[in-house]
Protein backbone atom coordinates (compact mmCIF):
# COMPACT_ATOMS: atom_id res chain seq x y z
CA MET A 1 6.35 22.98 0.76
CA SER A 2 5.13 20.67 3.51
CA GLU A 3 7.41 18.59 5.72
CA PRO A 4 7.95 15.15 4.10
CA LYS A 5 7.13 13.12 7.24
CA ALA A 6 3.86 15.03 7.64
CA ILE A 7 2.91 14.23 4.03
CA VAL A 8 3.66 10.52 4.50
CA ALA A 9 1.79 10.41 7.82
CA ALA A 10 -1.23 12.03 6.17
CA PHE A 11 -0.97 9.59 3.25
CA LEU A 12 -0.93 6.56 5.56
CA ASP A 13 -3.87 8.01 7.49
CA SER A 14 -5.74 8.46 4.20
CA PHE A 15 -4.78 4.93 3.12
CA SER A 16 -6.32 3.64 6.35
CA SER A 17 -9.62 5.35 5.48
CA GLY A 18 -10.16 3.20 2.40
CA ASP A 19 -11.08 6.27 0.31
CA VAL A 20 -9.33 5.29 -2.92
CA GLU A 21 -9.66 8.69 -4.61
CA ALA A 22 -8.25 10.47 -1.53
CA ILE A 23 -5.35 7.99 -1.41
CA LEU A 24 -4.51 8.59 -5.07
CA GLU A 25 -4.51 12.37 -4.57
CA TYR A 26 -1.29 12.01 -2.58
CA LEU A 27 0.50 10.51 -5.60
CA THR A 28 2.00 12.20 -8.65
CA GLU A 29 0.49 11.16 -11.99
CA ASP A 30 3.61 9.11 -12.82
CA ALA A 31 3.96 7.56 -9.35
CA THR A 32 5.11 3.96 -8.99
CA TRP A 33 4.65 1.40 -6.21
CA TRP A 34 7.23 -1.40 -5.99
CA VAL A 35 6.92 -4.52 -3.80
CA LEU A 36 9.90 -6.71 -2.91
CA GLY A 37 10.14 -10.28 -4.12
CA ASN A 38 9.42 -12.44 -7.12
CA LEU A 39 5.93 -13.81 -6.46
CA ASP A 40 3.63 -13.52 -9.48
CA GLY A 41 0.95 -10.94 -8.87
CA MET A 42 2.52 -9.83 -5.59
CA SER A 43 5.92 -8.39 -6.40
CA GLY A 44 7.24 -5.84 -8.85
CA THR A 45 6.23 -2.35 -9.91
CA ILE A 46 2.78 -0.94 -10.62
CA ASP A 47 1.71 2.53 -11.70
CA LYS A 48 -0.84 4.84 -10.09
CA ALA A 49 -3.75 3.62 -12.23
CA THR A 50 -3.01 -0.02 -11.40
CA LEU A 51 -2.73 0.82 -7.71
CA GLY A 52 -6.16 2.46 -7.88
CA SER A 53 -7.59 -0.64 -9.55
CA LEU A 54 -6.01 -2.90 -6.92
CA LEU A 55 -7.36 -0.81 -4.04
CA ARG A 56 -10.86 -0.85 -5.55
CA GLN A 57 -10.69 -4.66 -5.95
CA VAL A 58 -9.59 -5.39 -2.38
CA LYS A 59 -11.77 -2.79 -0.60
CA PRO A 60 -14.93 -4.99 -0.60
CA LEU A 61 -12.93 -7.80 1.03
CA TYR A 62 -12.31 -5.75 4.19
CA LEU A 63 -15.05 -5.92 6.82
CA ASP A 64 -14.52 -2.23 7.63
CA GLY A 65 -13.74 -1.26 4.02
CA ALA A 66 -10.07 -0.49 4.63
CA LEU A 67 -6.65 -1.81 5.49
CA THR A 68 -5.34 0.15 8.47
CA ILE A 69 -1.64 1.00 8.23
CA THR A 70 -0.06 2.28 11.44
CA PRO A 71 3.44 3.75 11.28
CA SER A 72 5.68 3.05 14.27
CA SER A 73 8.65 5.16 13.18
CA MET A 74 9.67 7.51 10.39
CA ILE A 75 12.99 8.98 9.32
CA SER A 76 13.38 11.61 6.62
CA ALA A 77 16.31 12.91 4.61
CA GLY A 78 15.56 15.58 2.05
CA ARG A 79 12.46 14.53 0.10
CA GLN A 80 12.74 10.85 1.12
CA VAL A 81 10.96 9.22 4.05
CA SER A 82 11.48 5.74 5.46
CA ALA A 83 8.71 4.32 7.62
CA GLU A 84 8.22 1.16 9.61
CA ALA A 85 4.56 0.21 9.91
CA THR A 86 2.08 -2.55 10.60
CA SER A 87 -1.24 -3.24 8.94
CA HIS A 88 -4.44 -4.85 10.09
CA ALA A 89 -7.76 -5.73 8.50
CA ARG A 90 -10.46 -8.23 9.28
CA LEU A 91 -11.79 -9.72 6.07
CA CYS A 92 -15.45 -10.36 5.40
CA ASP A 93 -14.74 -14.11 5.41
CA GLY A 94 -13.41 -13.88 9.00
CA ARG A 95 -9.69 -14.12 8.22
CA VAL A 96 -7.26 -11.44 9.38
CA TYR A 97 -4.64 -9.75 7.25
CA ALA A 98 -1.82 -8.34 9.37
CA ASN A 99 1.57 -7.48 7.93
CA ALA A 100 4.75 -5.64 8.88
CA TYR A 101 6.39 -3.19 6.49
CA HIS A 102 9.29 -1.00 5.73
CA PHE A 103 8.38 1.67 3.19
CA ARG A 104 10.58 4.15 1.40
CA PHE A 105 8.71 7.11 -0.02
CA ASP A 106 10.19 9.58 -2.51
CA LEU A 107 8.44 12.92 -2.80
CA ASP A 108 8.21 15.40 -5.64
CA GLY A 109 7.04 18.63 -4.08
CA ASP A 110 4.14 17.78 -1.79
CA ARG A 111 3.21 14.52 -3.52
CA ILE A 112 4.61 11.00 -3.44
CA CYS A 113 6.28 9.88 -6.67
CA SER A 114 7.64 6.49 -5.57
CA VAL A 115 6.89 3.91 -2.90
CA ARG A 116 9.12 0.92 -2.20
CA GLU A 117 7.42 -1.69 -0.01
CA TYR A 118 9.24 -4.40 1.92
CA SER A 119 6.73 -6.78 3.51
CA ASP A 120 5.76 -10.43 3.98
CA THR A 121 4.68 -11.26 0.44
CA GLN A 122 3.99 -14.89 1.40
CA HIS A 123 1.30 -13.71 3.83
CA MET A 124 -0.05 -11.42 1.11
CA LEU A 125 -0.22 -14.41 -1.25
CA GLU A 126 -1.96 -16.58 1.36
CA ILE A 127 -4.64 -13.96 1.96
CA PHE A 128 -5.16 -12.46 -1.51
CA GLY A 129 -3.66 -14.95 -3.99
CA ARG A 130 -5.30 -17.61 -6.14
CA GLN A 131 -4.94 -20.43 -3.61
CA SER A 132 -6.77 -18.30 -1.04
CA GLY A 133 -9.91 -18.50 -3.14
CA VAL A 134 -9.82 -14.72 -3.54
CA GLY A 135 -7.31 -14.34 -6.38
CA VAL A 136 -7.79 -10.58 -6.49
CA LEU A 137 -4.17 -9.93 -7.40
CA ASP A 138 -4.03 -12.49 -10.22
CA ASN A 139 -5.17 -10.08 -12.94
CA LEU A 140 -2.79 -7.24 -12.19
CA SER A 141 -0.07 -6.56 -14.73
CA ARG A 142 3.22 -5.66 -13.11
């Protein structure tokens, strides 16, 4: 079994590539992704299939085809990893999406079964929500 921090680092590196299928390979079939808050379309829990759909919807918005996530620190205990990270992407319309995160990853074997994301959901809403003119997150069921 691989070291949990190495798996998470590889996952974040893959996430930064924009290769949706490669990203999803790191997740168990029943994986969930939860985002803090109570903003419609931004917060709550989604499953692996919905995450894949979301990533495919936002990918064309990124000038370079990907959101780069750079971890600054990681701590692991057993099969759990906590990571602080920042993201950056220039959008095709010239705006910049840059966020700060705390993630908690739970692993089942060598794959991620749960992600808990703590980030600036207001910034997410401003960039990707309905009032931004993009509205890409409006159709996701959480």
